Amino acid sequence: MSCKRCASDYLKDLAGELAIHFPGLEGLKVPLVVVHPNLTVCLNCGFVDFVLADPQKEQLKRGIPPTESQARARKHPREEQLQ
């Protein structure tokens, strides 16, 4: 696999943690969406590629926080590796 931006093969797979904010002043009223995707980082140009899980995509579509059960069920990728 090569980088989608610069075509380099100098890629590294990493675990990530991102807080996605909604834009503008109205976005301050909406809770951020925290995701823990697996990242593919190009160590040549810095391009990062990742895919959001369905629950996080739905949160972004609706602009709503996760339910308590979704928040408890969500695990950081590192937690899964340690089990």
PDB file of N, CA and C in Angstrom:
ATOM      1  N   MET A   1       0.847  -1.169   0.000  1.00  0.00           N
ATOM      2  CA  MET A   1       0.000   0.000   0.000  1.00  0.00           C
ATOM      3  C   MET A   1       0.896   1.237   0.000  1.00  0.00           C
ATOM      4  N   SER A   2       0.461   2.272  -0.691  1.00  0.00           N
ATOM      5  CA  SER A   2       1.235   3.500  -0.728  1.00  0.00           C
ATOM      6  C   SER A   2       0.354   4.680  -0.317  1.00  0.00           C
ATOM      7  N   CYS A   3       0.993   5.787   0.007  1.00  0.00           N
ATOM      8  CA  CYS A   3       0.301   6.993   0.453  1.00  0.00           C
ATOM      9  C   CYS A   3      -0.594   7.535  -0.659  1.00  0.00           C
ATOM     10  N   LYS A   4      -1.810   7.925  -0.292  1.00  0.00           N
ATOM     11  CA  LYS A   4      -2.763   8.481  -1.259  1.00  0.00           C
ATOM     12  C   LYS A   4      -2.368   9.876  -1.717  1.00  0.00           C
ATOM     13  N   ARG A   5      -1.503  10.537  -0.946  1.00  0.00           N
ATOM     14  CA  ARG A   5      -1.117  11.914  -1.278  1.00  0.00           C
ATOM     15  C   ARG A   5       0.192  11.987  -2.054  1.00  0.00           C
ATOM     16  N   CYS A   6       1.220  11.253  -1.583  1.00  0.00           N
ATOM     17  CA  CYS A   6       2.543  11.396  -2.212  1.00  0.00           C
ATOM     18  C   CYS A   6       3.069  10.100  -2.828  1.00  0.00           C
ATOM     19  N   ALA A   7       2.313   9.009  -2.693  1.00  0.00           N
ATOM     20  CA  ALA A   7       2.661   7.696  -3.247  1.00  0.00           C
ATOM     21  C   ALA A   7       3.860   7.025  -2.554  1.00  0.00           C
ATOM     22  N   SER A   8       4.281   7.541  -1.417  1.00  0.00           N
ATOM     23  CA  SER A   8       5.380   6.935  -0.658  1.00  0.00           C
ATOM     24  C   SER A   8       4.925   5.615  -0.044  1.00  0.00           C
ATOM     25  N   ASP A   9       5.876   4.720   0.144  1.00  0.00           N
ATOM     26  CA  ASP A   9       5.602   3.459   0.838  1.00  0.00           C
ATOM     27  C   ASP A   9       6.013   3.530   2.309  1.00  0.00           C
ATOM     28  N   TYR A  10       6.405   4.703   2.787  1.00  0.00           N
ATOM     29  CA  TYR A  10       6.884   4.893   4.151  1.00  0.00           C
ATOM     30  C   TYR A  10       5.687   5.161   5.069  1.00  0.00           C
ATOM     31  N   LEU A  11       4.893   4.106   5.335  1.00  0.00           N
ATOM     32  CA  LEU A  11       3.669   4.209   6.124  1.00  0.00           C
ATOM     33  C   LEU A  11       3.819   3.471   7.441  1.00  0.00           C
ATOM     34  N   LYS A  12       3.091   3.947   8.437  1.00  0.00           N
ATOM     35  CA  LYS A  12       3.100   3.280   9.752  1.00  0.00           C
ATOM     36  C   LYS A  12       1.665   3.220  10.259  1.00  0.00           C
ATOM     37  N   ASP A  13       1.244   2.059  10.754  1.00  0.00           N
ATOM     38  CA  ASP A  13      -0.074   1.894  11.361  1.00  0.00           C
ATOM     39  C   ASP A  13       0.029   2.172  12.850  1.00  0.00           C
ATOM     40  N   LEU A  14      -0.867   3.037  13.345  1.00  0.00           N
ATOM     41  CA  LEU A  14      -0.848   3.449  14.743  1.00  0.00           C
ATOM     42  C   LEU A  14      -2.271   3.493  15.289  1.00  0.00           C
ATOM     43  N   ALA A  15      -2.394   3.452  16.607  1.00  0.00           N
ATOM     44  CA  ALA A  15      -3.693   3.637  17.260  1.00  0.00           C
ATOM     45  C   ALA A  15      -3.858   5.133  17.516  1.00  0.00           C
ATOM     46  N   GLY A  16      -5.072   5.640  17.324  1.00  0.00           N
ATOM     47  CA  GLY A  16      -5.289   7.064  17.494  1.00  0.00           C
ATOM     48  C   GLY A  16      -6.404   7.385  18.468  1.00  0.00           C
ATOM     49  N   GLU A  17      -6.422   8.640  18.883  1.00  0.00           N
ATOM     50  CA  GLU A  17      -7.492   9.164  19.716  1.00  0.00           C
ATOM     51  C   GLU A  17      -7.743  10.584  19.229  1.00  0.00           C
ATOM     52  N   LEU A  18      -8.957  10.837  18.731  1.00  0.00           N
ATOM     53  CA  LEU A  18      -9.289  12.143  18.189  1.00  0.00           C
ATOM     54  C   LEU A  18     -10.571  12.660  18.799  1.00  0.00           C
ATOM     55  N   ALA A  19     -10.604  13.948  19.033  1.00  0.00           N
ATOM     56  CA  ALA A  19     -11.823  14.621  19.476  1.00  0.00           C
ATOM     57  C   ALA A  19     -12.280  15.487  18.303  1.00  0.00           C
ATOM     58  N   ILE A  20     -13.446  15.177  17.752  1.00  0.00           N
ATOM     59  CA  ILE A  20     -13.959  15.895  16.591  1.00  0.00           C
ATOM     60  C   ILE A  20     -14.938  16.960  17.066  1.00  0.00           C
ATOM     61  N   HIS A  21     -14.655  18.194  16.698  1.00  0.00           N
ATOM     62  CA  HIS A  21     -15.481  19.343  17.088  1.00  0.00           C
ATOM     63  C   HIS A  21     -16.345  19.763  15.911  1.00  0.00           C
ATOM     64  N   PHE A  22     -17.545  20.217  16.201  1.00  0.00           N
ATOM     65  CA  PHE A  22     -18.395  20.773  15.167  1.00  0.00           C
ATOM     66  C   PHE A  22     -17.984  22.230  14.956  1.00  0.00           C
ATOM     67  N   PRO A  23     -18.055  22.751  13.730  1.00  0.00           N
ATOM     68  CA  PRO A  23     -17.554  24.090  13.436  1.00  0.00           C
ATOM     69  C   PRO A  23     -18.474  25.217  13.918  1.00  0.00           C
ATOM     70  N   GLY A  24     -17.884  26.406  14.010  1.00  0.00           N
ATOM     71  CA  GLY A  24     -18.643  27.608  14.312  1.00  0.00           C
ATOM     72  C   GLY A  24     -19.074  27.709  15.762  1.00  0.00           C
ATOM     73  N   LEU A  25     -19.730  28.822  16.077  1.00  0.00           N
ATOM     74  CA  LEU A  25     -20.203  29.042  17.441  1.00  0.00           C
ATOM     75  C   LEU A  25     -21.268  28.033  17.836  1.00  0.00           C
ATOM     76  N   GLU A  26     -22.098  27.617  16.883  1.00  0.00           N
ATOM     77  CA  GLU A  26     -23.121  26.615  17.184  1.00  0.00           C
ATOM     78  C   GLU A  26     -22.489  25.291  17.592  1.00  0.00           C
ATOM     79  N   GLY A  27     -21.311  25.016  17.060  1.00  0.00           N
ATOM     80  CA  GLY A  27     -20.611  23.783  17.394  1.00  0.00           C
ATOM     81  C   GLY A  27     -20.211  23.701  18.854  1.00  0.00           C
ATOM     82  N   LEU A  28     -20.123  24.856  19.511  1.00  0.00           N
ATOM     83  CA  LEU A  28     -19.782  24.849  20.936  1.00  0.00           C
ATOM     84  C   LEU A  28     -20.900  24.275  21.793  1.00  0.00           C
ATOM     85  N   LYS A  29     -22.100  24.239  21.252  1.00  0.00           N
ATOM     86  CA  LYS A  29     -23.250  23.715  21.986  1.00  0.00           C
ATOM     87  C   LYS A  29     -23.414  22.208  21.821  1.00  0.00           C
ATOM     88  N   VAL A  30     -22.636  21.630  20.915  1.00  0.00           N
ATOM     89  CA  VAL A  30     -22.737  20.200  20.620  1.00  0.00           C
ATOM     90  C   VAL A  30     -21.522  19.493  21.212  1.00  0.00           C
ATOM     91  N   PRO A  31     -21.736  18.400  21.959  1.00  0.00           N
ATOM     92  CA  PRO A  31     -20.587  17.678  22.528  1.00  0.00           C
ATOM     93  C   PRO A  31     -19.660  17.167  21.430  1.00  0.00           C
ATOM     94  N   LEU A  32     -18.362  17.134  21.732  1.00  0.00           N
ATOM     95  CA  LEU A  32     -17.457  16.594  20.737  1.00  0.00           C
ATOM     96  C   LEU A  32     -17.630  15.100  20.621  1.00  0.00           C
ATOM     97  N   VAL A  33     -17.185  14.582  19.505  1.00  0.00           N
ATOM     98  CA  VAL A  33     -17.249  13.143  19.245  1.00  0.00           C
ATOM     99  C   VAL A  33     -15.826  12.616  19.377  1.00  0.00           C
ATOM    100  N   VAL A  34     -15.628  11.722  20.339  1.00  0.00           N
ATOM    101  CA  VAL A  34     -14.296  11.149  20.565  1.00  0.00           C
ATOM    102  C   VAL A  34     -14.246   9.801  19.870  1.00  0.00           C
ATOM    103  N   VAL A  35     -13.215   9.612  19.051  1.00  0.00           N
ATOM    104  CA  VAL A  35     -13.055   8.356  18.310  1.00  0.00           C
ATOM    105  C   VAL A  35     -11.657   7.803  18.556  1.00  0.00           C
ATOM    106  N   HIS A  36     -11.531   6.497  18.414  1.00  0.00           N
ATOM    107  CA  HIS A  36     -10.258   5.807  18.613  1.00  0.00           C
ATOM    108  C   HIS A  36      -9.958   4.946  17.381  1.00  0.00           C
ATOM    109  N   PRO A  37      -9.722   5.590  16.241  1.00  0.00           N
ATOM    110  CA  PRO A  37      -9.499   4.805  15.021  1.00  0.00           C
ATOM    111  C   PRO A  37      -8.073   4.277  14.910  1.00  0.00           C
ATOM    112  N   ASN A  38      -7.929   3.271  14.082  1.00  0.00           N
ATOM    113  CA  ASN A  38      -6.596   2.847  13.672  1.00  0.00           C
ATOM    114  C   ASN A  38      -6.165   3.817  12.581  1.00  0.00           C
ATOM    115  N   LEU A  39      -4.961   4.362  12.693  1.00  0.00           N
ATOM    116  CA  LEU A  39      -4.466   5.359  11.759  1.00  0.00           C
ATOM    117  C   LEU A  39      -3.372   4.768  10.889  1.00  0.00           C
ATOM    118  N   THR A  40      -3.327   5.179   9.637  1.00  0.00           N
ATOM    119  CA  THR A  40      -2.197   4.895   8.774  1.00  0.00           C
ATOM    120  C   THR A  40      -1.565   6.248   8.473  1.00  0.00           C
ATOM    121  N   VAL A  41      -0.336   6.426   8.928  1.00  0.00           N
ATOM    122  CA  VAL A  41       0.347   7.713   8.805  1.00  0.00           C
ATOM    123  C   VAL A  41       1.487   7.581   7.800  1.00  0.00           C
ATOM    124  N   CYS A  42       1.528   8.537   6.861  1.00  0.00           N
ATOM    125  CA  CYS A  42       2.654   8.595   5.931  1.00  0.00           C
ATOM    126  C   CYS A  42       3.770   9.369   6.624  1.00  0.00           C
ATOM    127  N   LEU A  43       4.892   8.719   6.831  1.00  0.00           N
ATOM    128  CA  LEU A  43       6.011   9.358   7.503  1.00  0.00           C
ATOM    129  C   LEU A  43       6.850  10.198   6.539  1.00  0.00           C
ATOM    130  N   ASN A  44       6.402  10.268   5.279  1.00  0.00           N
ATOM    131  CA  ASN A  44       7.062  11.120   4.297  1.00  0.00           C
ATOM    132  C   ASN A  44       6.393  12.495   4.236  1.00  0.00           C
ATOM    133  N   CYS A  45       5.052  12.525   4.030  1.00  0.00           N
ATOM    134  CA  CYS A  45       4.352  13.807   3.857  1.00  0.00           C
ATOM    135  C   CYS A  45       3.427  14.166   5.018  1.00  0.00           C
ATOM    136  N   GLY A  46       3.152  13.192   5.915  1.00  0.00           N
ATOM    137  CA  GLY A  46       2.303  13.470   7.070  1.00  0.00           C
ATOM    138  C   GLY A  46       0.821  13.190   6.863  1.00  0.00           C
ATOM    139  N   PHE A  47       0.430  12.726   5.704  1.00  0.00           N
ATOM    140  CA  PHE A  47      -0.972  12.396   5.451  1.00  0.00           C
ATOM    141  C   PHE A  47      -1.416  11.288   6.395  1.00  0.00           C
ATOM    142  N   VAL A  48      -2.634  11.425   6.943  1.00  0.00           N
ATOM    143  CA  VAL A  48      -3.179  10.421   7.859  1.00  0.00           C
ATOM    144  C   VAL A  48      -4.495   9.911   7.286  1.00  0.00           C
ATOM    145  N   ASP A  49      -4.677   8.608   7.296  1.00  0.00           N
ATOM    146  CA  ASP A  49      -5.881   7.978   6.776  1.00  0.00           C
ATOM    147  C   ASP A  49      -6.505   7.133   7.882  1.00  0.00           C
ATOM    148  N   PHE A  50      -7.845   7.248   8.044  1.00  0.00           N
ATOM    149  CA  PHE A  50      -8.548   6.413   9.009  1.00  0.00           C
ATOM    150  C   PHE A  50     -10.013   6.322   8.620  1.00  0.00           C
ATOM    151  N   VAL A  51     -10.700   5.341   9.209  1.00  0.00           N
ATOM    152  CA  VAL A  51     -12.115   5.115   8.953  1.00  0.00           C
ATOM    153  C   VAL A  51     -12.857   5.192  10.278  1.00  0.00           C
ATOM    154  N   LEU A  52     -13.976   5.894  10.279  1.00  0.00           N
ATOM    155  CA  LEU A  52     -14.813   5.981  11.476  1.00  0.00           C
ATOM    156  C   LEU A  52     -15.762   4.799  11.534  1.00  0.00           C
ATOM    157  N   ALA A  53     -16.011   4.307  12.739  1.00  0.00           N
ATOM    158  CA  ALA A  53     -16.987   3.234  12.943  1.00  0.00           C
ATOM    159  C   ALA A  53     -18.398   3.792  12.768  1.00  0.00           C
ATOM    160  N   ASP A  54     -19.352   2.928  12.499  1.00  0.00           N
ATOM    161  CA  ASP A  54     -20.737   3.351  12.265  1.00  0.00           C
ATOM    162  C   ASP A  54     -21.330   4.188  13.397  1.00  0.00           C
ATOM    163  N   PRO A  55     -21.151   3.818  14.675  1.00  0.00           N
ATOM    164  CA  PRO A  55     -21.744   4.652  15.737  1.00  0.00           C
ATOM    165  C   PRO A  55     -21.210   6.088  15.729  1.00  0.00           C
ATOM    166  N   GLN A  56     -19.914   6.247  15.467  1.00  0.00           N
ATOM    167  CA  GLN A  56     -19.345   7.590  15.431  1.00  0.00           C
ATOM    168  C   GLN A  56     -19.834   8.362  14.205  1.00  0.00           C
ATOM    169  N   LYS A  57     -20.003   7.669  13.095  1.00  0.00           N
ATOM    170  CA  LYS A  57     -20.550   8.339  11.899  1.00  0.00           C
ATOM    171  C   LYS A  57     -21.961   8.836  12.179  1.00  0.00           C
ATOM    172  N   GLU A  58     -22.757   8.032  12.880  1.00  0.00           N
ATOM    173  CA  GLU A  58     -24.125   8.449  13.215  1.00  0.00           C
ATOM    174  C   GLU A  58     -24.121   9.655  14.139  1.00  0.00           C
ATOM    175  N   GLN A  59     -23.197   9.672  15.107  1.00  0.00           N
ATOM    176  CA  GLN A  59     -23.090  10.825  15.999  1.00  0.00           C
ATOM    177  C   GLN A  59     -22.806  12.090  15.199  1.00  0.00           C
ATOM    178  N   LEU A  60     -21.899  11.996  14.249  1.00  0.00           N
ATOM    179  CA  LEU A  60     -21.561  13.160  13.440  1.00  0.00           C
ATOM    180  C   LEU A  60     -22.729  13.584  12.554  1.00  0.00           C
ATOM    181  N   LYS A  61     -23.468  12.613  12.031  1.00  0.00           N
ATOM    182  CA  LYS A  61     -24.632  12.938  11.200  1.00  0.00           C
ATOM    183  C   LYS A  61     -25.685  13.682  12.003  1.00  0.00           C
ATOM    184  N   ARG A  62     -25.898  13.237  13.217  1.00  0.00           N
ATOM    185  CA  ARG A  62     -26.962  13.817  14.048  1.00  0.00           C
ATOM    186  C   ARG A  62     -26.484  14.938  14.952  1.00  0.00           C
ATOM    187  N   GLY A  63     -25.185  14.975  15.229  1.00  0.00           N
ATOM    188  CA  GLY A  63     -24.656  15.971  16.147  1.00  0.00           C
ATOM    189  C   GLY A  63     -25.074  15.721  17.572  1.00  0.00           C
ATOM    190  N   ILE A  64     -25.106  14.423  17.942  1.00  0.00           N
ATOM    191  CA  ILE A  64     -25.546  14.067  19.293  1.00  0.00           C
ATOM    192  C   ILE A  64     -24.459  13.273  20.008  1.00  0.00           C
ATOM    193  N   PRO A  65     -24.424  13.342  21.334  1.00  0.00           N
ATOM    194  CA  PRO A  65     -23.441  12.573  22.089  1.00  0.00           C
ATOM    195  C   PRO A  65     -23.820  11.091  22.121  1.00  0.00           C
ATOM    196  N   PRO A  66     -22.866  10.202  22.441  1.00  0.00           N
ATOM    197  CA  PRO A  66     -23.194   8.781  22.544  1.00  0.00           C
ATOM    198  C   PRO A  66     -24.058   8.525  23.771  1.00  0.00           C
ATOM    199  N   THR A  67     -24.819   7.451  23.696  1.00  0.00           N
ATOM    200  CA  THR A  67     -25.566   7.046  24.878  1.00  0.00           C
ATOM    201  C   THR A  67     -24.574   6.503  25.899  1.00  0.00           C
ATOM    202  N   GLU A  68     -25.000   6.376  27.120  1.00  0.00           N
ATOM    203  CA  GLU A  68     -24.108   5.881  28.167  1.00  0.00           C
ATOM    204  C   GLU A  68     -23.624   4.467  27.840  1.00  0.00           C
ATOM    205  N   SER A  69     -24.505   3.627  27.292  1.00  0.00           N
ATOM    206  CA  SER A  69     -24.107   2.253  26.971  1.00  0.00           C
ATOM    207  C   SER A  69     -23.098   2.234  25.817  1.00  0.00           C
ATOM    208  N   GLN A  70     -23.244   3.127  24.829  1.00  0.00           N
ATOM    209  CA  GLN A  70     -22.271   3.193  23.740  1.00  0.00           C
ATOM    210  C   GLN A  70     -20.915   3.642  24.270  1.00  0.00           C
ATOM    211  N   ALA A  71     -20.923   4.609  25.169  1.00  0.00           N
ATOM    212  CA  ALA A  71     -19.673   5.116  25.730  1.00  0.00           C
ATOM    213  C   ALA A  71     -18.953   4.018  26.507  1.00  0.00           C
ATOM    214  N   ARG A  72     -19.705   3.209  27.261  1.00  0.00           N
ATOM    215  CA  ARG A  72     -19.084   2.121  28.030  1.00  0.00           C
ATOM    216  C   ARG A  72     -18.573   1.024  27.098  1.00  0.00           C
ATOM    217  N   ALA A  73     -19.293   0.766  26.014  1.00  0.00           N
ATOM    218  CA  ALA A  73     -18.922  -0.322  25.107  1.00  0.00           C
ATOM    219  C   ALA A  73     -17.710   0.033  24.259  1.00  0.00           C
ATOM    220  N   ARG A  74     -17.467   1.324  24.048  1.00  0.00           N
ATOM    221  CA  ARG A  74     -16.369   1.755  23.194  1.00  0.00           C
ATOM    222  C   ARG A  74     -15.056   1.525  23.932  1.00  0.00           C
ATOM    223  N   LYS A  75     -14.123   0.875  23.254  1.00  0.00           N
ATOM    224  CA  LYS A  75     -12.820   0.609  23.858  1.00  0.00           C
ATOM    225  C   LYS A  75     -11.746   1.243  22.996  1.00  0.00           C
ATOM    226  N   HIS A  76     -10.709   1.709  23.652  1.00  0.00           N
ATOM    227  CA  HIS A  76      -9.548   2.222  22.955  1.00  0.00           C
ATOM    228  C   HIS A  76      -8.828   1.020  22.332  1.00  0.00           C
ATOM    229  N   PRO A  77      -8.279   1.143  21.113  1.00  0.00           N
ATOM    230  CA  PRO A  77      -7.596   0.008  20.485  1.00  0.00           C
ATOM    231  C   PRO A  77      -6.496  -0.589  21.343  1.00  0.00           C
ATOM    232  N   ARG A  78      -5.820   0.192  22.144  1.00  0.00           N
ATOM    233  CA  ARG A  78      -4.753  -0.329  23.005  1.00  0.00           C
ATOM    234  C   ARG A  78      -5.316  -1.265  24.077  1.00  0.00           C
ATOM    235  N   GLU A  79      -6.528  -0.967  24.569  1.00  0.00           N
ATOM    236  CA  GLU A  79      -7.159  -1.843  25.562  1.00  0.00           C
ATOM    237  C   GLU A  79      -7.397  -3.216  24.974  1.00  0.00           C
ATOM    238  N   GLU A  80      -7.830  -3.257  23.710  1.00  0.00           N
ATOM    239  CA  GLU A  80      -8.098  -4.539  23.048  1.00  0.00           C
ATOM    240  C   GLU A  80      -6.810  -5.320  22.855  1.00  0.00           C
ATOM    241  N   GLN A  81      -5.710  -4.625  22.578  1.00  0.00           N
ATOM    242  CA  GLN A  81      -4.430  -5.299  22.370  1.00  0.00           C
ATOM    243  C   GLN A  81      -3.921  -5.907  23.672  1.00  0.00           C
ATOM    244  N   LEU A  82      -4.237  -5.285  24.801  1.00  0.00           N
ATOM    245  CA  LEU A  82      -3.745  -5.764  26.089  1.00  0.00           C
ATOM    246  C   LEU A  82      -4.521  -6.957  26.609  1.00  0.00           C
ATOM    247  N   GLN A  83      -5.704  -7.204  26.087  1.00  0.00           N
ATOM    248  CA  GLN A  83      -6.534  -8.312  26.586  1.00  0.00           C
ATOM    249  C   GLN A  83      -6.171  -9.614  25.934  1.00  0.00           C
TER     250      GLN A  83
END
